[in-house]
PDB file of N, CA and C in Angstrom:
ATOM      1  N   MET A   1      91.026 173.816  40.759  1.00  0.00           N
ATOM      2  CA  MET A   1      90.455 172.347  40.812  1.00  0.00           C
ATOM      3  C   MET A   1      88.729 172.918  41.611  1.00  0.00           C
ATOM      4  N   ASN A   2      89.313 174.109  42.831  1.00  0.00           N
ATOM      5  CA  ASN A   2      88.150 173.924  43.595  1.00  0.00           C
ATOM      6  C   ASN A   2      86.828 174.910  42.753  1.00  0.00           C
ATOM      7  N   GLN A   3      86.850 175.719  41.700  1.00  0.00           N
ATOM      8  CA  GLN A   3      86.652 176.133  40.683  1.00  0.00           C
ATOM      9  C   GLN A   3      85.843 174.372  39.709  1.00  0.00           C
ATOM     10  N   LEU A   4      86.551 173.526  39.740  1.00  0.00           N
ATOM     11  CA  LEU A   4      85.972 173.173  39.219  1.00  0.00           C
ATOM     12  C   LEU A   4      84.411 171.864  39.444  1.00  0.00           C
ATOM     13  N   ILE A   5      85.163 172.114  40.782  1.00  0.00           N
ATOM     14  CA  ILE A   5      84.095 171.739  41.742  1.00  0.00           C
ATOM     15  C   ILE A   5      83.081 171.932  42.096  1.00  0.00           C
ATOM     16  N   ALA A   6      82.983 173.229  42.692  1.00  0.00           N
ATOM     17  CA  ALA A   6      82.333 174.115  42.642  1.00  0.00           C
ATOM     18  C   ALA A   6      80.842 174.324  41.239  1.00  0.00           C
ATOM     19  N   HIS A   7      81.967 174.382  39.766  1.00  0.00           N
ATOM     20  CA  HIS A   7      80.627 174.126  38.867  1.00  0.00           C
ATOM     21  C   HIS A   7      79.687 173.124  38.539  1.00  0.00           C
ATOM     22  N   SER A   8      81.075 171.866  38.661  1.00  0.00           N
ATOM     23  CA  SER A   8      79.880 170.579  38.234  1.00  0.00           C
ATOM     24  C   SER A   8      78.952 170.614  39.394  1.00  0.00           C
ATOM     25  N   THR A   9      79.613 170.728  40.931  1.00  0.00           N
ATOM     26  CA  THR A   9      78.348 170.307  42.017  1.00  0.00           C
ATOM     27  C   THR A   9      77.082 171.359  41.499  1.00  0.00           C
ATOM     28  N   ILE A  10      77.172 173.094  40.948  1.00  0.00           N
ATOM     29  CA  ILE A  10      76.126 174.230  40.493  1.00  0.00           C
ATOM     30  C   ILE A  10      75.771 173.298  38.962  1.00  0.00           C
ATOM     31  N   MET A  11      76.196 172.513  38.131  1.00  0.00           N
ATOM     32  CA  MET A  11      75.608 171.970  37.080  1.00  0.00           C
ATOM     33  C   MET A  11      74.374 170.219  37.970  1.00  0.00           C
ATOM     34  N   LEU A  12      75.564 170.288  38.921  1.00  0.00           N
ATOM     35  CA  LEU A  12      74.373 168.688  38.828  1.00  0.00           C
ATOM     36  C   LEU A  12      73.144 168.831  39.326  1.00  0.00           C
ATOM     37  N   MET A  13      73.556 170.383  40.160  1.00  0.00           N
ATOM     38  CA  MET A  13      72.358 170.381  41.177  1.00  0.00           C
ATOM     39  C   MET A  13      70.860 170.554  40.248  1.00  0.00           C
ATOM     40  N   VAL A  14      71.626 171.981  39.324  1.00  0.00           N
ATOM     41  CA  VAL A  14      70.495 172.182  37.892  1.00  0.00           C
ATOM     42  C   VAL A  14      70.005 171.314  37.191  1.00  0.00           C
ATOM     43  N   CYS A  15      71.235 170.445  36.798  1.00  0.00           N
ATOM     44  CA  CYS A  15      70.522 169.017  35.912  1.00  0.00           C
ATOM     45  C   CYS A  15      69.840 168.282  36.511  1.00  0.00           C
ATOM     46  N   ILE A  16      69.605 168.273  38.138  1.00  0.00           N
ATOM     47  CA  ILE A  16      68.435 168.280  38.820  1.00  0.00           C
ATOM     48  C   ILE A  16      67.183 167.575  39.327  1.00  0.00           C
ATOM     49  N   GLY A  17      67.266 169.605  39.096  1.00  0.00           N
ATOM     50  CA  GLY A  17      66.549 170.602  39.329  1.00  0.00           C
ATOM     51  C   GLY A  17      65.398 170.441  37.326  1.00  0.00           C
ATOM     52  N   THR A  18      66.213 170.762  36.972  1.00  0.00           N
ATOM     53  CA  THR A  18      64.929 170.459  35.632  1.00  0.00           C
ATOM     54  C   THR A  18      64.540 168.888  35.761  1.00  0.00           C
ATOM     55  N   LEU A  19      65.615 167.854  35.952  1.00  0.00           N
ATOM     56  CA  LEU A  19      64.913 166.901  35.881  1.00  0.00           C
ATOM     57  C   LEU A  19      63.203 166.654  36.610  1.00  0.00           C
ATOM     58  N   ILE A  20      63.891 167.147  38.028  1.00  0.00           N
ATOM     59  CA  ILE A  20      62.205 166.768  38.863  1.00  0.00           C
ATOM     60  C   ILE A  20      61.036 167.979  38.542  1.00  0.00           C
ATOM     61  N   ILE A  21      61.756 169.420  37.503  1.00  0.00           N
ATOM     62  CA  ILE A  21      60.606 169.896  37.009  1.00  0.00           C
ATOM     63  C   ILE A  21      60.054 169.303  35.713  1.00  0.00           C
ATOM     64  N   ILE A  22      60.865 168.991  34.798  1.00  0.00           N
ATOM     65  CA  ILE A  22      60.517 167.634  34.384  1.00  0.00           C
ATOM     66  C   ILE A  22      59.181 166.482  34.676  1.00  0.00           C
ATOM     67  N   LEU A  23      59.722 166.098  35.290  1.00  0.00           N
ATOM     68  CA  LEU A  23      59.157 164.356  36.139  1.00  0.00           C
ATOM     69  C   LEU A  23      57.587 165.257  36.575  1.00  0.00           C
ATOM     70  N   ALA A  24      58.049 166.838  37.828  1.00  0.00           N
ATOM     71  CA  ALA A  24      56.777 167.472  38.318  1.00  0.00           C
ATOM     72  C   ALA A  24      55.789 166.872  36.307  1.00  0.00           C
ATOM     73  N   ILE A  25      55.991 167.729  35.547  1.00  0.00           N
ATOM     74  CA  ILE A  25      55.055 167.959  34.499  1.00  0.00           C
ATOM     75  C   ILE A  25      54.305 167.235  34.259  1.00  0.00           C
ATOM     76  N   LEU A  26      55.310 166.383  33.881  1.00  0.00           N
ATOM     77  CA  LEU A  26      54.847 164.928  32.987  1.00  0.00           C
ATOM     78  C   LEU A  26      53.981 163.802  34.112  1.00  0.00           C
ATOM     79  N   ILE A  27      54.055 164.369  36.024  1.00  0.00           N
ATOM     80  CA  ILE A  27      52.902 163.801  35.828  1.00  0.00           C
ATOM     81  C   ILE A  27      52.339 164.204  36.963  1.00  0.00           C
ATOM     82  N   LEU A  28      51.651 166.182  36.376  1.00  0.00           N
ATOM     83  CA  LEU A  28      50.667 166.878  36.403  1.00  0.00           C
ATOM     84  C   LEU A  28      49.947 166.446  35.029  1.00  0.00           C
ATOM     85  N   LEU A  29      50.463 165.911  34.268  1.00  0.00           N
ATOM     86  CA  LEU A  29      49.889 166.100  32.406  1.00  0.00           C
ATOM     87  C   LEU A  29      49.508 164.489  32.926  1.00  0.00           C
ATOM     88  N   HIS A  30      50.252 163.955  33.085  1.00  0.00           N
ATOM     89  CA  HIS A  30      49.479 162.246  33.203  1.00  0.00           C
ATOM     90  C   HIS A  30      47.807 162.288  34.045  1.00  0.00           C
ATOM     91  N   GLN A  31      48.315 163.307  35.788  1.00  0.00           N
ATOM     92  CA  GLN A  31      46.740 162.793  36.334  1.00  0.00           C
ATOM     93  C   GLN A  31      45.650 163.858  36.529  1.00  0.00           C
ATOM     94  N   ASN A  32      46.145 165.016  34.940  1.00  0.00           N
ATOM     95  CA  ASN A  32      44.799 165.239  33.879  1.00  0.00           C
ATOM     96  C   ASN A  32      44.234 164.574  33.353  1.00  0.00           C
ATOM     97  N   ARG A  33      44.842 164.101  32.402  1.00  0.00           N
ATOM     98  CA  ARG A  33      44.365 163.119  31.725  1.00  0.00           C
ATOM     99  C   ARG A  33      43.202 162.030  32.107  1.00  0.00           C
ATOM    100  N   ASN A  34      43.971 161.561  33.874  1.00  0.00           N
ATOM    101  CA  ASN A  34      43.058 160.430  34.035  1.00  0.00           C
ATOM    102  C   ASN A  34      42.212 161.291  35.109  1.00  0.00           C
ATOM    103  N   ALA A  35      41.622 162.548  35.280  1.00  0.00           N
ATOM    104  CA  ALA A  35      40.816 163.747  36.163  1.00  0.00           C
ATOM    105  C   ALA A  35      40.072 163.610  34.767  1.00  0.00           C
ATOM    106  N   THR A  36      40.334 163.964  33.576  1.00  0.00           N
ATOM    107  CA  THR A  36      39.473 164.498  32.345  1.00  0.00           C
ATOM    108  C   THR A  36      39.009 162.789  32.005  1.00  0.00           C
ATOM    109  N   LYS A  37      39.145 161.907  32.421  1.00  0.00           N
ATOM    110  CA  LYS A  37      38.631 160.539  31.548  1.00  0.00           C
ATOM    111  C   LYS A  37      37.596 159.679  33.085  1.00  0.00           C
ATOM    112  N   GLY A  38      38.078 159.966  33.967  1.00  0.00           N
ATOM    113  CA  GLY A  38      37.377 159.687  34.632  1.00  0.00           C
ATOM    114  C   GLY A  38      36.130 160.382  35.659  1.00  0.00           C
ATOM    115  N   TYR A  39      36.191 161.857  34.620  1.00  0.00           N
ATOM    116  CA  TYR A  39      35.176 163.187  34.316  1.00  0.00           C
ATOM    117  C   TYR A  39      33.804 162.274  33.252  1.00  0.00           C
ATOM    118  N   GLN A  40      34.591 162.384  32.197  1.00  0.00           N
ATOM    119  CA  GLN A  40      33.876 161.530  31.012  1.00  0.00           C
ATOM    120  C   GLN A  40      33.169 160.259  31.072  1.00  0.00           C
ATOM    121  N   LEU A  41      33.774 159.570  31.807  1.00  0.00           N
ATOM    122  CA  LEU A  41      33.632 158.007  32.514  1.00  0.00           C
ATOM    123  C   LEU A  41      32.396 158.286  33.058  1.00  0.00           C
ATOM    124  N   ARG A  42      32.114 158.961  34.130  1.00  0.00           N
ATOM    125  CA  ARG A  42      30.776 159.583  34.801  1.00  0.00           C
ATOM    126  C   ARG A  42      29.551 160.711  34.334  1.00  0.00           C
ATOM    127  N   GLN A  43      29.999 161.342  33.555  1.00  0.00           N
ATOM    128  CA  GLN A  43      29.202 161.841  32.321  1.00  0.00           C
ATOM    129  C   GLN A  43      28.501 160.588  31.462  1.00  0.00           C
ATOM    130  N   LEU A  44      29.442 159.633  31.163  1.00  0.00           N
ATOM    131  CA  LEU A  44      28.543 158.926  29.772  1.00  0.00           C
ATOM    132  C   LEU A  44      27.869 157.636  31.156  1.00  0.00           C
ATOM    133  N   GLU A  45      28.100 157.768  32.240  1.00  0.00           N
ATOM    134  CA  GLU A  45      27.018 156.613  33.317  1.00  0.00           C
ATOM    135  C   GLU A  45      25.858 157.287  33.340  1.00  0.00           C
ATOM    136  N   ARG A  46      26.646 158.277  33.591  1.00  0.00           N
ATOM    137  CA  ARG A  46      25.326 159.263  33.529  1.00  0.00           C
ATOM    138  C   ARG A  46      24.454 159.373  32.655  1.00  0.00           C
ATOM    139  N   GLU A  47      24.788 159.728  31.345  1.00  0.00           N
ATOM    140  CA  GLU A  47      23.895 159.775  30.411  1.00  0.00           C
ATOM    141  C   GLU A  47      23.652 157.640  29.713  1.00  0.00           C
ATOM    142  N   ARG A  48      24.099 156.664  30.550  1.00  0.00           N
ATOM    143  CA  ARG A  48      22.953 155.276  30.246  1.00  0.00           C
ATOM    144  C   ARG A  48      22.277 155.421  31.359  1.00  0.00           C
ATOM    145  N   SER A  49      22.395 155.976  32.072  1.00  0.00           N
ATOM    146  CA  SER A  49      21.657 155.901  33.693  1.00  0.00           C
ATOM    147  C   SER A  49      20.449 156.160  33.000  1.00  0.00           C
ATOM    148  N   GLN A  50      20.603 157.397  32.290  1.00  0.00           N
ATOM    149  CA  GLN A  50      18.923 158.389  31.885  1.00  0.00           C
ATOM    150  C   GLN A  50      18.700 157.906  30.360  1.00  0.00           C
ATOM    151  N   LEU A  51      19.067 156.940  28.948  1.00  0.00           N
ATOM    152  CA  LEU A  51      18.420 156.326  28.451  1.00  0.00           C
ATOM    153  C   LEU A  51      17.968 155.298  28.920  1.00  0.00           C
ATOM    154  N   LEU A  52      18.766 154.792  29.307  1.00  0.00           N
ATOM    155  CA  LEU A  52      17.838 153.384  30.261  1.00  0.00           C
ATOM    156  C   LEU A  52      16.925 153.714  30.908  1.00  0.00           C
ATOM    157  N   LEU A  53      16.464 155.476  31.542  1.00  0.00           N
ATOM    158  CA  LEU A  53      15.158 155.243  32.592  1.00  0.00           C
ATOM    159  C   LEU A  53      14.705 155.657  30.815  1.00  0.00           C
ATOM    160  N   GLU A  54      14.934 156.504  30.830  1.00  0.00           N
ATOM    161  CA  GLU A  54      14.235 156.648  28.698  1.00  0.00           C
ATOM    162  C   GLU A  54      13.367 155.322  27.866  1.00  0.00           C
ATOM    163  N   GLU A  55      14.074 154.816  27.505  1.00  0.00           N
ATOM    164  CA  GLU A  55      13.710 153.188  27.141  1.00  0.00           C
ATOM    165  C   GLU A  55      12.978 152.637  27.654  1.00  0.00           C
ATOM    166  N   GLU A  56      12.628 152.207  29.056  1.00  0.00           N
ATOM    167  CA  GLU A  56      11.773 152.038  30.264  1.00  0.00           C
ATOM    168  C   GLU A  56      10.509 152.276  30.637  1.00  0.00           C
ATOM    169  N   VAL A  57      10.594 153.520  29.693  1.00  0.00           N
ATOM    170  CA  VAL A  57       9.392 154.947  29.675  1.00  0.00           C
ATOM    171  C   VAL A  57       9.019 154.221  28.736  1.00  0.00           C
ATOM    172  N   LEU A  58       9.562 154.438  27.666  1.00  0.00           N
ATOM    173  CA  LEU A  58       9.463 153.880  26.182  1.00  0.00           C
ATOM    174  C   LEU A  58       8.654 152.140  26.029  1.00  0.00           C
ATOM    175  N   ARG A  59       8.989 151.691  26.491  1.00  0.00           N
ATOM    176  CA  ARG A  59       8.882 150.549  26.564  1.00  0.00           C
ATOM    177  C   ARG A  59       7.588 150.517  27.826  1.00  0.00           C
ATOM    178  N   MET A  60       6.725 150.962  28.863  1.00  0.00           N
ATOM    179  CA  MET A  60       5.244 150.702  29.589  1.00  0.00           C
ATOM    180  C   MET A  60       4.692 151.257  28.327  1.00  0.00           C
ATOM    181  N   HIS A  61       5.331 152.708  26.826  1.00  0.00           N
ATOM    182  CA  HIS A  61       4.202 152.735  26.270  1.00  0.00           C
ATOM    183  C   HIS A  61       4.037 151.806  25.143  1.00  0.00           C
ATOM    184  N   VAL A  62       5.062 151.085  24.695  1.00  0.00           N
ATOM    185  CA  VAL A  62       4.099 150.157  24.371  1.00  0.00           C
ATOM    186  C   VAL A  62       3.489 149.242  24.684  1.00  0.00           C
ATOM    187  N   ALA A  63       3.660 148.608  26.315  1.00  0.00           N
ATOM    188  CA  ALA A  63       2.919 147.860  26.765  1.00  0.00           C
ATOM    189  C   ALA A  63       1.836 148.151  26.452  1.00  0.00           C
ATOM    190  N   GLY A  64       1.392 149.193  26.801  1.00  0.00           N
ATOM    191  CA  GLY A  64       0.111 149.891  26.892  1.00  0.00           C
ATOM    192  C   GLY A  64      -0.548 149.898  25.267  1.00  0.00           C
ATOM    193  N   ALA A  65       0.211 150.403  24.465  1.00  0.00           N
ATOM    194  CA  ALA A  65      -0.865 150.157  22.647  1.00  0.00           C
ATOM    195  C   ALA A  65      -0.980 149.416  22.577  1.00  0.00           C
ATOM    196  N   GLN A  66      -0.160 148.395  22.655  1.00  0.00           N
ATOM    197  CA  GLN A  66      -0.103 146.168  22.176  1.00  0.00           C
ATOM    198  C   GLN A  66      -1.269 145.585  23.545  1.00  0.00           C
ATOM    199  N   SER A  67      -1.359 147.450  24.113  1.00  0.00           N
ATOM    200  CA  SER A  67      -2.996 145.500  25.835  1.00  0.00           C
ATOM    201  C   SER A  67      -3.207 145.279  24.585  1.00  0.00           C
ATOM    202  N   LEU A  68      -4.819 144.743  25.026  1.00  0.00           N
ATOM    203  CA  LEU A  68      -5.807 143.798  24.271  1.00  0.00           C
ATOM    204  C   LEU A  68      -7.194 145.082  24.959  1.00  0.00           C
ATOM    205  N   GLU A  69      -6.906 145.704  25.975  1.00  0.00           N
ATOM    206  CA  GLU A  69      -8.123 146.944  26.116  1.00  0.00           C
ATOM    207  C   GLU A  69      -7.866 147.794  24.988  1.00  0.00           C
ATOM    208  N   GLU A  70      -6.625 148.724  25.649  1.00  0.00           N
ATOM    209  CA  GLU A  70      -6.348 149.201  23.654  1.00  0.00           C
ATOM    210  C   GLU A  70      -6.812 149.046  21.963  1.00  0.00           C
ATOM    211  N   ILE A  71      -6.381 147.894  21.722  1.00  0.00           N
ATOM    212  CA  ILE A  71      -6.951 147.030  20.647  1.00  0.00           C
ATOM    213  C   ILE A  71      -8.302 146.798  21.212  1.00  0.00           C
ATOM    214  N   GLN A  72      -8.725 146.500  21.669  1.00  0.00           N
ATOM    215  CA  GLN A  72     -10.780 146.197  21.702  1.00  0.00           C
ATOM    216  C   GLN A  72     -11.665 147.939  21.896  1.00  0.00           C
ATOM    217  N   GLU A  73     -10.923 148.407  22.864  1.00  0.00           N
ATOM    218  CA  GLU A  73     -11.335 150.037  22.199  1.00  0.00           C
ATOM    219  C   GLU A  73     -10.901 150.617  20.863  1.00  0.00           C
ATOM    220  N   ASP A  74      -9.789 150.241  19.818  1.00  0.00           N
ATOM    221  CA  ASP A  74      -9.694 151.134  19.083  1.00  0.00           C
ATOM    222  C   ASP A  74     -11.344 151.053  17.763  1.00  0.00           C
ATOM    223  N   LYS A  75     -11.450 152.272  17.193  1.00  0.00           N
ATOM    224  CA  LYS A  75     -12.108 152.407  16.672  1.00  0.00           C
ATOM    225  C   LYS A  75     -12.687 151.712  14.700  1.00  0.00           C
ATOM    226  N   ARG A  76     -11.285 151.476  14.504  1.00  0.00           N
ATOM    227  CA  ARG A  76     -10.911 150.800  13.189  1.00  0.00           C
ATOM    228  C   ARG A  76     -11.978 149.118  13.434  1.00  0.00           C
ATOM    229  N   ILE A  77     -10.851 148.452  15.169  1.00  0.00           N
ATOM    230  CA  ILE A  77     -11.470 147.338  15.121  1.00  0.00           C
ATOM    231  C   ILE A  77     -12.551 146.979  15.432  1.00  0.00           C
ATOM    232  N   GLN A  78     -13.392 148.021  16.266  1.00  0.00           N
ATOM    233  CA  GLN A  78     -14.656 148.055  16.595  1.00  0.00           C
ATOM    234  C   GLN A  78     -15.551 148.289  15.390  1.00  0.00           C
ATOM    235  N   ALA A  79     -15.264 149.101  13.966  1.00  0.00           N
ATOM    236  CA  ALA A  79     -15.938 149.036  13.163  1.00  0.00           C
ATOM    237  C   ALA A  79     -16.276 148.254  11.841  1.00  0.00           C
ATOM    238  N   MET A  80     -15.773 147.041  12.208  1.00  0.00           N
ATOM    239  CA  MET A  80     -15.550 145.128  11.688  1.00  0.00           C
ATOM    240  C   MET A  80     -16.287 144.759  11.799  1.00  0.00           C
ATOM    241  N   ILE A  81     -16.557 143.568  10.775  1.00  0.00           N
ATOM    242  CA  ILE A  81     -18.159 143.535  11.358  1.00  0.00           C
ATOM    243  C   ILE A  81     -17.918 141.776  11.034  1.00  0.00           C
ATOM    244  N   PRO A  82     -18.900 141.126  12.233  1.00  0.00           N
ATOM    245  CA  PRO A  82     -18.557 140.123  12.666  1.00  0.00           C
ATOM    246  C   PRO A  82     -18.795 138.965  11.376  1.00  0.00           C
ATOM    247  N   PRO A  83     -18.140 137.827  10.857  1.00  0.00           N
ATOM    248  CA  PRO A  83     -19.135 136.963  10.146  1.00  0.00           C
ATOM    249  C   PRO A  83     -19.742 136.261   9.549  1.00  0.00           C
ATOM    250  N   LYS A  84     -20.986 135.784   9.058  1.00  0.00           N
ATOM    251  CA  LYS A  84     -22.343 135.892   9.193  1.00  0.00           C
ATOM    252  C   LYS A  84     -21.352 134.027   8.969  1.00  0.00           C
ATOM    253  N   TYR A  85     -20.534 134.178   8.351  1.00  0.00           N
ATOM    254  CA  TYR A  85     -20.686 131.829   8.046  1.00  0.00           C
ATOM    255  C   TYR A  85     -18.864 131.970   7.832  1.00  0.00           C
ATOM    256  N   THR A  86     -18.941 130.447   8.979  1.00  0.00           N
ATOM    257  CA  THR A  86     -16.612 130.583   8.977  1.00  0.00           C
ATOM    258  C   THR A  86     -16.319 129.050   7.842  1.00  0.00           C
ATOM    259  N   GLY A  87     -16.546 128.752   7.658  1.00  0.00           N
ATOM    260  CA  GLY A  87     -16.504 127.547   7.236  1.00  0.00           C
ATOM    261  C   GLY A  87     -14.759 126.401   7.598  1.00  0.00           C
ATOM    262  N   TYR A  88     -14.903 125.529   7.775  1.00  0.00           N
ATOM    263  CA  TYR A  88     -13.430 125.014   7.557  1.00  0.00           C
ATOM    264  C   TYR A  88     -12.633 123.436   7.962  1.00  0.00           C
ATOM    265  N   ALA A  89     -11.796 123.606   7.249  1.00  0.00           N
ATOM    266  CA  ALA A  89     -11.342 122.710   6.104  1.00  0.00           C
ATOM    267  C   ALA A  89     -10.545 121.549   6.942  1.00  0.00           C
ATOM    268  N   GLU A  90     -11.008 120.837   6.655  1.00  0.00           N
ATOM    269  CA  GLU A  90     -10.759 119.282   7.383  1.00  0.00           C
ATOM    270  C   GLU A  90      -9.898 118.532   6.333  1.00  0.00           C
ATOM    271  N   GLU A  91      -9.123 118.585   6.996  1.00  0.00           N
ATOM    272  CA  GLU A  91      -7.686 117.109   7.055  1.00  0.00           C
ATOM    273  C   GLU A  91      -7.740 115.823   7.179  1.00  0.00           C
ATOM    274  N   LYS A  92      -8.102 114.824   6.896  1.00  0.00           N
ATOM    275  CA  LYS A  92      -8.133 113.286   7.305  1.00  0.00           C
ATOM    276  C   LYS A  92      -6.304 112.978   7.739  1.00  0.00           C
ATOM    277  N   ASN A  93      -5.746 113.842   6.791  1.00  0.00           N
ATOM    278  CA  ASN A  93      -3.949 113.312   7.158  1.00  0.00           C
ATOM    279  C   ASN A  93      -3.348 114.606   7.256  1.00  0.00           C
ATOM    280  N   ALA A  94      -2.125 114.221   8.627  1.00  0.00           N
ATOM    281  CA  ALA A  94      -1.494 115.385   9.169  1.00  0.00           C
ATOM    282  C   ALA A  94      -0.563 116.274   7.807  1.00  0.00           C
ATOM    283  N   VAL A  95      -0.038 116.970   7.491  1.00  0.00           N
ATOM    284  CA  VAL A  95      -0.027 117.602   6.435  1.00  0.00           C
ATOM    285  C   VAL A  95       1.809 116.891   6.412  1.00  0.00           C
ATOM    286  N   ALA A  96       2.642 117.035   7.516  1.00  0.00           N
ATOM    287  CA  ALA A  96       3.554 116.166   7.687  1.00  0.00           C
ATOM    288  C   ALA A  96       4.091 115.234   7.798  1.00  0.00           C
ATOM    289  N   MET A  97       2.754 114.492   7.318  1.00  0.00           N
ATOM    290  CA  MET A  97       3.069 112.605   7.409  1.00  0.00           C
ATOM    291  C   MET A  97       3.552 111.678   6.141  1.00  0.00           C
ATOM    292  N   THR A  98       4.164 111.341   6.379  1.00  0.00           N
ATOM    293  CA  THR A  98       4.512 110.446   5.255  1.00  0.00           C
ATOM    294  C   THR A  98       3.684 109.114   5.019  1.00  0.00           C
ATOM    295  N   LYS A  99       3.303 109.405   3.542  1.00  0.00           N
ATOM    296  CA  LYS A  99       2.214 108.609   2.949  1.00  0.00           C
ATOM    297  C   LYS A  99       2.605 107.057   3.053  1.00  0.00           C
ATOM    298  N   GLU A 100       2.699 105.951   2.697  1.00  0.00           N
ATOM    299  CA  GLU A 100       3.318 105.362   2.986  1.00  0.00           C
ATOM    300  C   GLU A 100       2.814 103.978   1.490  1.00  0.00           C
TER     301      GLU A 100
END
């Protein structure tokens, strides 16, 4: 009987030890997955900040290219000939006006 109690006590300790080791490995894997996701999130945030900065620089370049001074200094615009005669069409009634 004493052997059976000793044997069952050893088996109980082995089972408990195995469960503790399995749980520790599962917790370690879970923490590793969370740390990896956190690292990826920080990296994506850095990339997002860099892309936002690049977008702002590109917007500044577009605004500079579309500015009135840039357009006026364009050689194609300066090569245009001003019109000699400009005629305007006169309309007595508004286009959207209903006729009665």
